[in-house]
């Protein structure tokens, strides 16, 4: 452990004491939990939805146009054709 000295407001000290008594844990444990929570939320990367939207636009623009003609074969025809091959 590393020792750090911090200054807190009087009302923060009172709240810290109350919560430590209520939870039956040292005040230092609550302070460490607070630091961990703060660091965890700061380390979470924010999502850039604009990059995703740009990717979708690019992907959709490169998609081939739908063929107005319907296909003349059926899926089962492919399986039947494969069975006849020796």
Protein backbone atom coordinates (compact mmCIF):
# COMPACT_ATOMS: atom_id res chain seq x y z
CA UNK A 1 0.00 0.00 0.00
CA UNK A 2 1.03 3.57 -0.62
CA UNK A 3 0.19 6.29 1.86
CA UNK A 4 -1.62 9.34 0.46
CA UNK A 5 -2.81 12.38 2.34
CA UNK A 6 -5.93 14.11 1.03
CA UNK A 7 -8.11 16.96 2.20
CA UNK A 8 -11.86 16.51 2.27
CA UNK A 9 -14.72 18.78 3.28
CA UNK A 10 -16.09 18.48 6.80
CA UNK A 11 -19.44 17.21 5.53
CA UNK A 12 -17.60 14.53 3.53
CA UNK A 13 -15.76 13.42 6.65
CA UNK A 14 -19.02 13.15 8.57
CA UNK A 15 -20.69 11.13 5.81
CA UNK A 16 -17.61 8.90 5.51
CA UNK A 17 -17.64 8.19 9.26
CA UNK A 18 -21.36 7.38 9.24
CA UNK A 19 -21.11 5.04 6.28
CA UNK A 20 -18.02 3.31 7.71
CA UNK A 21 -19.85 2.68 10.99
CA UNK A 22 -22.97 1.48 9.19
CA UNK A 23 -21.06 -0.95 6.95
CA UNK A 24 -18.58 -1.84 9.70
CA UNK A 25 -15.56 -1.19 7.49
CA UNK A 26 -12.63 1.19 7.85
CA UNK A 27 -12.94 4.62 6.29
CA UNK A 28 -9.85 3.85 4.22
CA UNK A 29 -11.66 0.90 2.59
CA UNK A 30 -14.50 3.21 1.53
CA UNK A 31 -12.02 5.72 0.13
CA UNK A 32 -10.27 2.96 -1.87
CA UNK A 33 -13.65 1.75 -3.20
CA UNK A 34 -14.46 5.29 -4.29
CA UNK A 35 -11.12 5.63 -6.07
CA UNK A 36 -11.62 2.26 -7.81
CA UNK A 37 -15.11 3.21 -8.96
CA UNK A 38 -13.89 6.56 -10.25
CA UNK A 39 -10.97 5.01 -12.14
CA UNK A 40 -13.14 2.25 -13.61
CA UNK A 41 -15.64 4.72 -15.02
CA UNK A 42 -12.86 6.90 -16.41
CA UNK A 43 -11.18 3.90 -18.07
CA UNK A 44 -14.33 2.83 -19.90
CA UNK A 45 -13.97 3.99 -23.49
CA UNK A 46 -16.82 5.98 -24.90
CA UNK A 47 -18.47 4.68 -28.05
CA UNK A 48 -18.10 6.67 -31.22
CA UNK A 49 -21.36 6.01 -33.02
CA UNK A 50 -20.39 8.29 -35.88
CA UNK A 51 -17.72 5.77 -36.95
CA UNK A 52 -20.35 3.01 -37.00
CA UNK A 53 -22.77 5.13 -39.03
CA UNK A 54 -20.02 5.92 -41.55
CA UNK A 55 -19.21 2.22 -41.87
CA UNK A 56 -22.87 1.36 -42.48
CA UNK A 57 -23.15 4.04 -45.18
CA UNK A 58 -20.02 2.74 -46.90
CA UNK A 59 -21.15 -0.88 -46.71
CA UNK A 60 -24.60 -0.07 -48.08
CA UNK A 61 -23.15 2.00 -50.92
CA UNK A 62 -21.00 -0.94 -52.03
CA UNK A 63 -23.81 -3.47 -51.90
CA UNK A 64 -24.77 -4.62 -55.39
CA UNK A 65 -28.10 -3.47 -56.72
CA UNK A 66 -30.89 -5.99 -56.50
CA UNK A 67 -31.42 -7.96 -59.66
CA UNK A 68 -34.97 -7.39 -60.87
CA UNK A 69 -35.01 -10.85 -62.47
CA UNK A 70 -35.94 -13.75 -60.27
CA UNK A 71 -33.71 -16.75 -60.33
CA UNK A 72 -34.79 -19.63 -62.50
CA UNK A 73 -33.56 -22.39 -60.21
CA UNK A 74 -34.59 -23.69 -56.82
CA UNK A 75 -32.39 -24.60 -53.92
CA UNK A 76 -33.43 -28.25 -54.15
CA UNK A 77 -32.21 -28.31 -57.78
CA UNK A 78 -28.67 -27.74 -56.53
CA UNK A 79 -28.88 -30.71 -54.19
CA UNK A 80 -30.39 -32.91 -56.87
CA UNK A 81 -27.63 -31.95 -59.30
CA UNK A 82 -24.96 -32.84 -56.71
CA UNK A 83 -26.41 -36.33 -56.23
CA UNK A 84 -26.01 -37.18 -59.92
CA UNK A 85 -22.30 -36.37 -59.97
CA UNK A 86 -20.06 -39.45 -59.70
